[in-house]
All heavy atoms as atom14 arrays in JSON, in Angstrom:
{
  "sequence": "LKLALPLISGQLSHMLMGVSDTVMIGSVGVVSLGAATFANTLLAVPFV",
  "atom14_mask": [
    [1, 1, 1, 1, 1, 1, 1, 1, 0, 0, 0, 0, 0, 0],
    [1, 1, 1, 1, 1, 1, 1, 1, 1, 0, 0, 0, 0, 0],
    [1, 1, 1, 1, 1, 1, 1, 1, 0, 0, 0, 0, 0, 0],
    [1, 1, 1, 1, 1, 0, 0, 0, 0, 0, 0, 0, 0, 0],
    [1, 1, 1, 1, 1, 1, 1, 1, 0, 0, 0, 0, 0, 0],
    [1, 1, 1, 1, 1, 1, 1, 0, 0, 0, 0, 0, 0, 0],
    [1, 1, 1, 1, 1, 1, 1, 1, 0, 0, 0, 0, 0, 0],
    [1, 1, 1, 1, 1, 1, 1, 1, 0, 0, 0, 0, 0, 0],
    [1, 1, 1, 1, 1, 1, 0, 0, 0, 0, 0, 0, 0, 0],
    [1, 1, 1, 1, 0, 0, 0, 0, 0, 0, 0, 0, 0, 0],
    [1, 1, 1, 1, 1, 1, 1, 1, 1, 0, 0, 0, 0, 0],
    [1, 1, 1, 1, 1, 1, 1, 1, 0, 0, 0, 0, 0, 0],
    [1, 1, 1, 1, 1, 1, 0, 0, 0, 0, 0, 0, 0, 0],
    [1, 1, 1, 1, 1, 1, 1, 1, 1, 1, 0, 0, 0, 0],
    [1, 1, 1, 1, 1, 1, 1, 1, 0, 0, 0, 0, 0, 0],
    [1, 1, 1, 1, 1, 1, 1, 1, 0, 0, 0, 0, 0, 0],
    [1, 1, 1, 1, 1, 1, 1, 1, 0, 0, 0, 0, 0, 0],
    [1, 1, 1, 1, 0, 0, 0, 0, 0, 0, 0, 0, 0, 0],
    [1, 1, 1, 1, 1, 1, 1, 0, 0, 0, 0, 0, 0, 0],
    [1, 1, 1, 1, 1, 1, 0, 0, 0, 0, 0, 0, 0, 0],
    [1, 1, 1, 1, 1, 1, 1, 1, 0, 0, 0, 0, 0, 0],
    [1, 1, 1, 1, 1, 1, 1, 0, 0, 0, 0, 0, 0, 0],
    [1, 1, 1, 1, 1, 1, 1, 0, 0, 0, 0, 0, 0, 0],
    [1, 1, 1, 1, 1, 1, 1, 1, 0, 0, 0, 0, 0, 0],
    [1, 1, 1, 1, 1, 1, 1, 1, 0, 0, 0, 0, 0, 0],
    [1, 1, 1, 1, 0, 0, 0, 0, 0, 0, 0, 0, 0, 0],
    [1, 1, 1, 1, 1, 1, 0, 0, 0, 0, 0, 0, 0, 0],
    [1, 1, 1, 1, 1, 1, 1, 0, 0, 0, 0, 0, 0, 0],
    [1, 1, 1, 1, 0, 0, 0, 0, 0, 0, 0, 0, 0, 0],
    [1, 1, 1, 1, 1, 1, 1, 0, 0, 0, 0, 0, 0, 0],
    [1, 1, 1, 1, 1, 1, 1, 0, 0, 0, 0, 0, 0, 0],
    [1, 1, 1, 1, 1, 1, 0, 0, 0, 0, 0, 0, 0, 0],
    [1, 1, 1, 1, 1, 1, 1, 1, 0, 0, 0, 0, 0, 0],
    [1, 1, 1, 1, 0, 0, 0, 0, 0, 0, 0, 0, 0, 0],
    [1, 1, 1, 1, 1, 0, 0, 0, 0, 0, 0, 0, 0, 0],
    [1, 1, 1, 1, 1, 0, 0, 0, 0, 0, 0, 0, 0, 0],
    [1, 1, 1, 1, 1, 1, 1, 0, 0, 0, 0, 0, 0, 0],
    [1, 1, 1, 1, 1, 1, 1, 1, 1, 1, 1, 0, 0, 0],
    [1, 1, 1, 1, 1, 0, 0, 0, 0, 0, 0, 0, 0, 0],
    [1, 1, 1, 1, 1, 1, 1, 1, 0, 0, 0, 0, 0, 0],
    [1, 1, 1, 1, 1, 1, 1, 0, 0, 0, 0, 0, 0, 0],
    [1, 1, 1, 1, 1, 1, 1, 1, 0, 0, 0, 0, 0, 0],
    [1, 1, 1, 1, 1, 1, 1, 1, 0, 0, 0, 0, 0, 0],
    [1, 1, 1, 1, 1, 0, 0, 0, 0, 0, 0, 0, 0, 0],
    [1, 1, 1, 1, 1, 1, 1, 0, 0, 0, 0, 0, 0, 0],
    [1, 1, 1, 1, 1, 1, 1, 0, 0, 0, 0, 0, 0, 0],
    [1, 1, 1, 1, 1, 1, 1, 1, 1, 1, 1, 0, 0, 0],
    [1, 1, 1, 1, 1, 1, 1, 0, 0, 0, 0, 0, 0, 0]
  ],
  "atom14_positions": [
    [[6.46, -72.58, -30.61], [7.24, -72.32, -29.34], [7.58, -70.85, -29.35], [7.48, -70.24, -28.23], [8.54, -73.17, -29.51], [9.31, -73.22, -28.08], [8.39, -73.76, -26.98], [10.46, -74.04, -28.23], [0.0, 0.0, 0.0], [0.0, 0.0, 0.0], [0.0, 0.0, 0.0], [0.0, 0.0, 0.0], [0.0, 0.0, 0.0], [0.0, 0.0, 0.0]],
    [[7.87, -70.21, -30.45], [8.16, -68.75, -30.44], [6.96, -68.0, -29.93], [7.08, -66.94, -29.15], [8.66, -68.36, -31.89], [9.0, -66.88, -31.97], [9.41, -66.53, -33.37], [9.7, -65.03, -33.54], [10.08, -64.64, -34.96], [0.0, 0.0, 0.0], [0.0, 0.0, 0.0], [0.0, 0.0, 0.0], [0.0, 0.0, 0.0], [0.0, 0.0, 0.0]],
    [[5.73, -68.38, -30.26], [4.54, -67.7, -29.9], [4.2, -68.02, -28.45], [3.67, -67.24, -27.69], [3.39, -68.11, -30.92], [2.02, -67.45, -30.49], [2.18, -65.89, -30.56], [1.05, -67.94, -31.5], [0.0, 0.0, 0.0], [0.0, 0.0, 0.0], [0.0, 0.0, 0.0], [0.0, 0.0, 0.0], [0.0, 0.0, 0.0], [0.0, 0.0, 0.0]],
    [[4.58, -69.33, -28.07], [4.12, -69.83, -26.68], [4.91, -69.14, -25.64], [4.39, -68.92, -24.58], [4.15, -71.28, -26.74], [0.0, 0.0, 0.0], [0.0, 0.0, 0.0], [0.0, 0.0, 0.0], [0.0, 0.0, 0.0], [0.0, 0.0, 0.0], [0.0, 0.0, 0.0], [0.0, 0.0, 0.0], [0.0, 0.0, 0.0], [0.0, 0.0, 0.0]],
    [[6.17, -68.85, -25.89], [7.08, -68.41, -24.85], [6.44, -67.09, -24.15], [6.5, -67.07, -22.88], [8.46, -68.12, -25.37], [9.26, -69.39, -25.63], [10.59, -69.15, -26.18], [9.48, -70.26, -24.23], [0.0, 0.0, 0.0], [0.0, 0.0, 0.0], [0.0, 0.0, 0.0], [0.0, 0.0, 0.0], [0.0, 0.0, 0.0], [0.0, 0.0, 0.0]],
    [[6.16, -66.05, -24.86], [5.5, -64.87, -24.2], [4.21, -65.19, -23.5], [3.92, -64.52, -22.53], [5.45, -63.81, -25.31], [5.55, -64.55, -26.59], [6.36, -65.79, -26.33], [0.0, 0.0, 0.0], [0.0, 0.0, 0.0], [0.0, 0.0, 0.0], [0.0, 0.0, 0.0], [0.0, 0.0, 0.0], [0.0, 0.0, 0.0], [0.0, 0.0, 0.0]],
    [[3.45, -66.2, -24.14], [2.19, -66.38, -23.65], [2.3, -67.2, -22.29], [1.59, -66.85, -21.26], [1.24, -67.27, -24.54], [1.09, -66.6, -25.89], [0.17, -67.5, -26.82], [0.27, -65.3, -25.68], [0.0, 0.0, 0.0], [0.0, 0.0, 0.0], [0.0, 0.0, 0.0], [0.0, 0.0, 0.0], [0.0, 0.0, 0.0], [0.0, 0.0, 0.0]],
    [[3.28, -68.0, -22.15], [3.59, -68.68, -20.93], [4.04, -67.7, -19.94], [3.68, -67.7, -18.66], [4.71, -69.86, -21.17], [3.99, -70.97, -21.94], [5.19, -70.27, -19.73], [5.19, -71.92, -22.42], [0.0, 0.0, 0.0], [0.0, 0.0, 0.0], [0.0, 0.0, 0.0], [0.0, 0.0, 0.0], [0.0, 0.0, 0.0], [0.0, 0.0, 0.0]],
    [[5.01, -66.74, -20.27], [5.48, -65.71, -19.42], [4.3, -64.89, -18.83], [4.34, -64.43, -17.66], [6.46, -64.81, -20.11], [7.61, -65.65, -20.51], [0.0, 0.0, 0.0], [0.0, 0.0, 0.0], [0.0, 0.0, 0.0], [0.0, 0.0, 0.0], [0.0, 0.0, 0.0], [0.0, 0.0, 0.0], [0.0, 0.0, 0.0], [0.0, 0.0, 0.0]],
    [[3.4, -64.52, -19.71], [2.22, -63.76, -19.31], [1.24, -64.49, -18.35], [0.95, -63.88, -17.37], [0.0, 0.0, 0.0], [0.0, 0.0, 0.0], [0.0, 0.0, 0.0], [0.0, 0.0, 0.0], [0.0, 0.0, 0.0], [0.0, 0.0, 0.0], [0.0, 0.0, 0.0], [0.0, 0.0, 0.0], [0.0, 0.0, 0.0], [0.0, 0.0, 0.0]],
    [[1.15, -65.69, -18.48], [0.43, -66.44, -17.46], [1.03, -66.57, -16.14], [0.43, -66.47, -15.08], [0.1, -67.92, -18.1], [-0.77, -68.04, -19.26], [-2.15, -67.36, -19.08], [-2.79, -67.52, -18.12], [-2.52, -66.42, -20.01], [0.0, 0.0, 0.0], [0.0, 0.0, 0.0], [0.0, 0.0, 0.0], [0.0, 0.0, 0.0], [0.0, 0.0, 0.0]],
    [[2.47, -66.72, -16.22], [3.14, -66.74, -14.92], [3.12, -65.42, -14.21], [3.11, -65.3, -12.92], [4.53, -67.2, -15.15], [4.89, -68.67, -15.68], [6.25, -68.96, -16.05], [4.37, -69.58, -14.46], [0.0, 0.0, 0.0], [0.0, 0.0, 0.0], [0.0, 0.0, 0.0], [0.0, 0.0, 0.0], [0.0, 0.0, 0.0], [0.0, 0.0, 0.0]],
    [[3.22, -64.38, -15.05], [3.07, -63.04, -14.44], [1.69, -62.76, -13.81], [1.65, -62.13, -12.68], [3.37, -61.96, -15.38], [2.34, -61.82, -16.36], [0.0, 0.0, 0.0], [0.0, 0.0, 0.0], [0.0, 0.0, 0.0], [0.0, 0.0, 0.0], [0.0, 0.0, 0.0], [0.0, 0.0, 0.0], [0.0, 0.0, 0.0], [0.0, 0.0, 0.0]],
    [[0.7, -63.36, -14.32], [-0.7, -63.24, -13.75], [-0.65, -64.0, -12.38], [-1.28, -63.57, -11.48], [-1.61, -63.87, -14.74], [-3.12, -63.8, -14.21], [-3.94, -62.69, -14.08], [-3.95, -64.79, -13.74], [-5.02, -62.94, -13.66], [-5.17, -64.2, -13.39], [0.0, 0.0, 0.0], [0.0, 0.0, 0.0], [0.0, 0.0, 0.0], [0.0, 0.0, 0.0]],
    [[-0.03, -65.21, -12.43], [0.15, -65.96, -11.07], [0.79, -65.1, -10.12], [0.55, -65.02, -8.87], [0.93, -67.15, -11.26], [0.07, -68.29, -12.01], [-1.24, -69.03, -11.04], [-0.19, -69.81, -9.79], [0.0, 0.0, 0.0], [0.0, 0.0, 0.0], [0.0, 0.0, 0.0], [0.0, 0.0, 0.0], [0.0, 0.0, 0.0], [0.0, 0.0, 0.0]],
    [[1.96, -64.22, -10.54], [2.71, -63.44, -9.58], [1.83, -62.46, -8.97], [1.96, -62.16, -7.76], [3.91, -62.82, -10.27], [4.67, -61.73, -9.61], [5.29, -62.46, -8.4], [5.73, -61.11, -10.52], [0.0, 0.0, 0.0], [0.0, 0.0, 0.0], [0.0, 0.0, 0.0], [0.0, 0.0, 0.0], [0.0, 0.0, 0.0], [0.0, 0.0, 0.0]],
    [[0.96, -61.85, -9.71], [-0.02, -60.78, -9.14], [-0.82, -61.37, -8.04], [-1.03, -60.81, -7.07], [-0.91, -60.17, -10.2], [-1.92, -59.22, -9.69], [-3.01, -58.46, -10.9], [-1.84, -57.23, -11.75], [0.0, 0.0, 0.0], [0.0, 0.0, 0.0], [0.0, 0.0, 0.0], [0.0, 0.0, 0.0], [0.0, 0.0, 0.0], [0.0, 0.0, 0.0]],
    [[-1.43, -62.61, -8.21], [-2.15, -63.27, -7.22], [-1.51, -63.52, -5.95], [-1.85, -63.3, -4.89], [0.0, 0.0, 0.0], [0.0, 0.0, 0.0], [0.0, 0.0, 0.0], [0.0, 0.0, 0.0], [0.0, 0.0, 0.0], [0.0, 0.0, 0.0], [0.0, 0.0, 0.0], [0.0, 0.0, 0.0], [0.0, 0.0, 0.0], [0.0, 0.0, 0.0]],
    [[-0.14, -64.07, -6.09], [0.73, -64.37, -4.96], [0.99, -63.1, -4.21], [0.88, -63.06, -2.99], [1.96, -65.13, -5.52], [2.89, -65.24, -4.27], [1.61, -66.46, -6.09], [0.0, 0.0, 0.0], [0.0, 0.0, 0.0], [0.0, 0.0, 0.0], [0.0, 0.0, 0.0], [0.0, 0.0, 0.0], [0.0, 0.0, 0.0], [0.0, 0.0, 0.0]],
    [[1.41, -62.02, -4.98], [1.81, -60.86, -4.24], [0.65, -60.21, -3.41], [0.75, -59.69, -2.45], [2.35, -59.78, -5.18], [1.33, -59.31, -6.21], [0.0, 0.0, 0.0], [0.0, 0.0, 0.0], [0.0, 0.0, 0.0], [0.0, 0.0, 0.0], [0.0, 0.0, 0.0], [0.0, 0.0, 0.0], [0.0, 0.0, 0.0], [0.0, 0.0, 0.0]],
    [[-0.59, -60.27, -4.19], [-1.86, -59.71, -3.48], [-2.12, -60.49, -2.14], [-2.42, -59.96, -1.11], [-2.99, -59.78, -4.28], [-2.93, -58.7, -5.44], [-2.18, -57.76, -5.31], [-3.79, -58.68, -6.32], [0.0, 0.0, 0.0], [0.0, 0.0, 0.0], [0.0, 0.0, 0.0], [0.0, 0.0, 0.0], [0.0, 0.0, 0.0], [0.0, 0.0, 0.0]],
    [[-1.9, -61.81, -2.29], [-2.21, -62.62, -1.12], [-1.26, -62.29, 0.06], [-1.59, -62.14, 1.19], [-2.07, -64.08, -1.46], [-3.09, -64.48, -2.48], [-2.34, -65.08, -0.22], [0.0, 0.0, 0.0], [0.0, 0.0, 0.0], [0.0, 0.0, 0.0], [0.0, 0.0, 0.0], [0.0, 0.0, 0.0], [0.0, 0.0, 0.0], [0.0, 0.0, 0.0]],
    [[0.09, -62.27, -0.32], [1.02, -61.93, 0.68], [0.75, -60.58, 1.36], [0.84, -60.45, 2.58], [2.47, -62.08, 0.17], [3.6, -61.52, 1.18], [2.81, -63.52, -0.41], [0.0, 0.0, 0.0], [0.0, 0.0, 0.0], [0.0, 0.0, 0.0], [0.0, 0.0, 0.0], [0.0, 0.0, 0.0], [0.0, 0.0, 0.0], [0.0, 0.0, 0.0]],
    [[0.54, -59.63, 0.5], [0.42, -58.18, 1.1], [-0.81, -58.06, 1.84], [-0.85, -57.29, 2.92], [0.61, -57.2, -0.11], [2.0, -57.26, -0.72], [2.37, -56.13, -2.03], [2.87, -54.79, -1.04], [0.0, 0.0, 0.0], [0.0, 0.0, 0.0], [0.0, 0.0, 0.0], [0.0, 0.0, 0.0], [0.0, 0.0, 0.0], [0.0, 0.0, 0.0]],
    [[-1.88, -58.64, 1.36], [-3.14, -58.43, 2.13], [-3.07, -59.33, 3.39], [-3.67, -58.94, 4.5], [-4.33, -58.94, 1.3], [-4.52, -57.98, 0.14], [-5.62, -59.0, 2.09], [-5.57, -58.58, -1.01], [0.0, 0.0, 0.0], [0.0, 0.0, 0.0], [0.0, 0.0, 0.0], [0.0, 0.0, 0.0], [0.0, 0.0, 0.0], [0.0, 0.0, 0.0]],
    [[-2.42, -60.43, 3.43], [-2.28, -61.16, 4.55], [-1.43, -60.52, 5.7], [-1.64, -60.83, 6.91], [0.0, 0.0, 0.0], [0.0, 0.0, 0.0], [0.0, 0.0, 0.0], [0.0, 0.0, 0.0], [0.0, 0.0, 0.0], [0.0, 0.0, 0.0], [0.0, 0.0, 0.0], [0.0, 0.0, 0.0], [0.0, 0.0, 0.0], [0.0, 0.0, 0.0]],
    [[-0.6, -59.51, 5.32], [0.07, -58.81, 6.4], [-0.81, -57.79, 7.08], [-0.5, -57.39, 8.26], [1.22, -58.03, 5.69], [0.68, -56.89, 4.86], [0.0, 0.0, 0.0], [0.0, 0.0, 0.0], [0.0, 0.0, 0.0], [0.0, 0.0, 0.0], [0.0, 0.0, 0.0], [0.0, 0.0, 0.0], [0.0, 0.0, 0.0], [0.0, 0.0, 0.0]],
    [[-2.07, -57.57, 6.57], [-3.04, -56.74, 7.27], [-3.65, -57.51, 8.32], [-3.98, -57.08, 9.43], [-4.0, -56.12, 6.25], [-5.06, -55.29, 6.99], [-3.33, -55.3, 5.19], [0.0, 0.0, 0.0], [0.0, 0.0, 0.0], [0.0, 0.0, 0.0], [0.0, 0.0, 0.0], [0.0, 0.0, 0.0], [0.0, 0.0, 0.0], [0.0, 0.0, 0.0]],
    [[-3.91, -58.81, 8.08], [-4.64, -59.53, 9.06], [-5.42, -60.78, 8.43], [-5.69, -60.79, 7.22], [0.0, 0.0, 0.0], [0.0, 0.0, 0.0], [0.0, 0.0, 0.0], [0.0, 0.0, 0.0], [0.0, 0.0, 0.0], [0.0, 0.0, 0.0], [0.0, 0.0, 0.0], [0.0, 0.0, 0.0], [0.0, 0.0, 0.0], [0.0, 0.0, 0.0]],
    [[-5.8, -61.73, 9.28], [-6.43, -62.92, 8.82], [-7.81, -62.64, 8.19], [-8.33, -63.08, 7.16], [-6.49, -63.97, 9.93], [-7.47, -65.24, 9.4], [-5.14, -64.45, 10.33], [0.0, 0.0, 0.0], [0.0, 0.0, 0.0], [0.0, 0.0, 0.0], [0.0, 0.0, 0.0], [0.0, 0.0, 0.0], [0.0, 0.0, 0.0], [0.0, 0.0, 0.0]],
    [[-8.51, -61.61, 8.95], [-9.91, -61.29, 8.55], [-9.88, -60.63, 7.09], [-10.64, -60.95, 6.16], [-10.49, -60.31, 9.5], [-11.93, -59.9, 8.99], [-10.72, -61.0, 10.84], [0.0, 0.0, 0.0], [0.0, 0.0, 0.0], [0.0, 0.0, 0.0], [0.0, 0.0, 0.0], [0.0, 0.0, 0.0], [0.0, 0.0, 0.0], [0.0, 0.0, 0.0]],
    [[-8.88, -59.75, 6.81], [-8.73, -59.14, 5.54], [-8.38, -60.07, 4.51], [-9.03, -60.05, 3.3], [-7.71, -57.94, 5.56], [-8.07, -56.92, 6.43], [0.0, 0.0, 0.0], [0.0, 0.0, 0.0], [0.0, 0.0, 0.0], [0.0, 0.0, 0.0], [0.0, 0.0, 0.0], [0.0, 0.0, 0.0], [0.0, 0.0, 0.0], [0.0, 0.0, 0.0]],
    [[-7.58, -60.97, 4.8], [-7.23, -62.07, 3.8], [-8.43, -62.92, 3.61], [-8.67, -63.25, 2.38], [-6.04, -62.97, 4.36], [-5.55, -64.07, 3.33], [-4.99, -63.42, 2.03], [-4.42, -64.86, 4.07], [0.0, 0.0, 0.0], [0.0, 0.0, 0.0], [0.0, 0.0, 0.0], [0.0, 0.0, 0.0], [0.0, 0.0, 0.0], [0.0, 0.0, 0.0]],
    [[-9.2, -63.26, 4.55], [-10.43, -64.17, 4.4], [-11.43, -63.36, 3.52], [-12.1, -63.92, 2.66], [0.0, 0.0, 0.0], [0.0, 0.0, 0.0], [0.0, 0.0, 0.0], [0.0, 0.0, 0.0], [0.0, 0.0, 0.0], [0.0, 0.0, 0.0], [0.0, 0.0, 0.0], [0.0, 0.0, 0.0], [0.0, 0.0, 0.0], [0.0, 0.0, 0.0]],
    [[-11.57, -62.03, 3.68], [-12.58, -61.28, 2.88], [-12.1, -61.16, 1.49], [-12.8, -61.23, 0.52], [-12.6, -59.91, 3.52], [0.0, 0.0, 0.0], [0.0, 0.0, 0.0], [0.0, 0.0, 0.0], [0.0, 0.0, 0.0], [0.0, 0.0, 0.0], [0.0, 0.0, 0.0], [0.0, 0.0, 0.0], [0.0, 0.0, 0.0], [0.0, 0.0, 0.0]],
    [[-10.66, -61.02, 1.21], [-10.12, -60.96, -0.1], [-10.44, -62.36, -0.85], [-10.71, -62.37, -2.01], [-8.78, -60.52, -0.18], [0.0, 0.0, 0.0], [0.0, 0.0, 0.0], [0.0, 0.0, 0.0], [0.0, 0.0, 0.0], [0.0, 0.0, 0.0], [0.0, 0.0, 0.0], [0.0, 0.0, 0.0], [0.0, 0.0, 0.0], [0.0, 0.0, 0.0]],
    [[-10.11, -63.47, -0.13], [-10.34, -64.71, -0.64], [-11.79, -65.02, -0.98], [-12.15, -65.53, -2.05], [-9.87, -65.73, 0.39], [-8.52, -65.51, 0.74], [-9.99, -67.19, -0.18], [0.0, 0.0, 0.0], [0.0, 0.0, 0.0], [0.0, 0.0, 0.0], [0.0, 0.0, 0.0], [0.0, 0.0, 0.0], [0.0, 0.0, 0.0], [0.0, 0.0, 0.0]],
    [[-12.65, -64.69, -0.13], [-14.09, -64.77, -0.42], [-14.54, -64.09, -1.6], [-15.22, -64.46, -2.55], [-14.93, -64.34, 0.91], [-16.4, -64.45, 0.76], [-17.04, -65.56, 0.08], [-17.27, -63.52, 1.37], [-18.42, -65.61, -0.09], [-18.65, -63.56, 1.35], [-19.21, -64.65, 0.58], [0.0, 0.0, 0.0], [0.0, 0.0, 0.0], [0.0, 0.0, 0.0]],
    [[-14.16, -62.75, -1.73], [-14.47, -61.89, -2.94], [-13.77, -62.47, -4.22], [-14.55, -62.47, -5.22], [-13.94, -60.48, -2.68], [0.0, 0.0, 0.0], [0.0, 0.0, 0.0], [0.0, 0.0, 0.0], [0.0, 0.0, 0.0], [0.0, 0.0, 0.0], [0.0, 0.0, 0.0], [0.0, 0.0, 0.0], [0.0, 0.0, 0.0], [0.0, 0.0, 0.0]],
    [[-12.69, -62.91, -4.18], [-12.07, -63.53, -5.37], [-12.76, -64.82, -5.81], [-12.81, -65.13, -6.96], [-10.59, -63.76, -5.21], [-9.75, -62.52, -5.07], [-10.08, -61.52, -5.75], [-8.67, -62.52, -4.23], [0.0, 0.0, 0.0], [0.0, 0.0, 0.0], [0.0, 0.0, 0.0], [0.0, 0.0, 0.0], [0.0, 0.0, 0.0], [0.0, 0.0, 0.0]],
    [[-13.2, -65.66, -4.82], [-13.98, -66.76, -5.13], [-15.3, -66.47, -5.85], [-15.61, -67.14, -6.81], [-14.35, -67.64, -3.75], [-13.08, -67.93, -3.16], [-15.03, -68.9, -4.07], [0.0, 0.0, 0.0], [0.0, 0.0, 0.0], [0.0, 0.0, 0.0], [0.0, 0.0, 0.0], [0.0, 0.0, 0.0], [0.0, 0.0, 0.0], [0.0, 0.0, 0.0]],
    [[-15.92, -65.41, -5.41], [-17.21, -64.93, -5.96], [-16.91, -64.45, -7.53], [-17.8, -64.63, -8.24], [-17.92, -63.97, -5.23], [-18.39, -64.35, -3.76], [-18.92, -63.03, -3.13], [-19.44, -65.38, -3.88], [0.0, 0.0, 0.0], [0.0, 0.0, 0.0], [0.0, 0.0, 0.0], [0.0, 0.0, 0.0], [0.0, 0.0, 0.0], [0.0, 0.0, 0.0]],
    [[-15.84, -63.92, -7.59], [-15.46, -63.29, -8.94], [-14.81, -64.3, -9.89], [-14.71, -63.93, -11.08], [-14.69, -61.98, -8.72], [-15.26, -60.87, -7.99], [-14.25, -59.69, -7.86], [-16.45, -60.31, -8.86], [0.0, 0.0, 0.0], [0.0, 0.0, 0.0], [0.0, 0.0, 0.0], [0.0, 0.0, 0.0], [0.0, 0.0, 0.0], [0.0, 0.0, 0.0]],
    [[-14.44, -65.34, -9.42], [-13.82, -66.32, -10.23], [-14.62, -66.93, -11.3], [-14.09, -67.1, -12.46], [-13.23, -67.49, -9.44], [0.0, 0.0, 0.0], [0.0, 0.0, 0.0], [0.0, 0.0, 0.0], [0.0, 0.0, 0.0], [0.0, 0.0, 0.0], [0.0, 0.0, 0.0], [0.0, 0.0, 0.0], [0.0, 0.0, 0.0], [0.0, 0.0, 0.0]],
    [[-15.89, -67.06, -11.06], [-16.78, -67.73, -11.96], [-16.99, -66.7, -13.18], [-16.74, -67.17, -14.37], [-18.08, -68.13, -11.39], [-19.12, -68.55, -12.54], [-17.82, -69.29, -10.46], [0.0, 0.0, 0.0], [0.0, 0.0, 0.0], [0.0, 0.0, 0.0], [0.0, 0.0, 0.0], [0.0, 0.0, 0.0], [0.0, 0.0, 0.0], [0.0, 0.0, 0.0]],
    [[-17.39, -65.5, -12.99], [-17.5, -64.55, -14.13], [-16.22, -64.35, -14.81], [-16.31, -64.11, -16.15], [-18.07, -63.3, -13.53], [-17.75, -63.3, -12.08], [-17.8, -64.74, -11.75], [0.0, 0.0, 0.0], [0.0, 0.0, 0.0], [0.0, 0.0, 0.0], [0.0, 0.0, 0.0], [0.0, 0.0, 0.0], [0.0, 0.0, 0.0], [0.0, 0.0, 0.0]],
    [[-15.18, -64.48, -14.25], [-13.84, -64.25, -14.9], [-13.53, -65.41, -15.76], [-13.04, -65.2, -16.98], [-12.69, -64.08, -13.86], [-11.38, -63.64, -14.53], [-11.22, -62.51, -15.1], [-10.32, -64.56, -14.5], [-9.97, -62.05, -15.76], [-9.21, -64.34, -15.25], [-8.98, -63.0, -15.67], [0.0, 0.0, 0.0], [0.0, 0.0, 0.0], [0.0, 0.0, 0.0]],
    [[-13.8, -66.69, -15.39], [-13.59, -67.82, -16.18], [-14.55, -67.8, -17.36], [-14.09, -68.08, -18.43], [-13.76, -68.98, -15.3], [-13.72, -70.35, -16.17], [-12.58, -69.18, -14.18], [0.0, 0.0, 0.0], [0.0, 0.0, 0.0], [0.0, 0.0, 0.0], [0.0, 0.0, 0.0], [0.0, 0.0, 0.0], [0.0, 0.0, 0.0], [0.0, 0.0, 0.0]]
  ]
}
């Protein structure tokens, strides 16, 4: 549990980056958000 706590926190912070990127890109417009979503989908496989 002592080792897991910072690892869990790190995974949640990674989620925070994704959420913040989505919100801030979404403020530019639907097309920009769609382009970012499309790009992230393409890069998801090599990242996994």
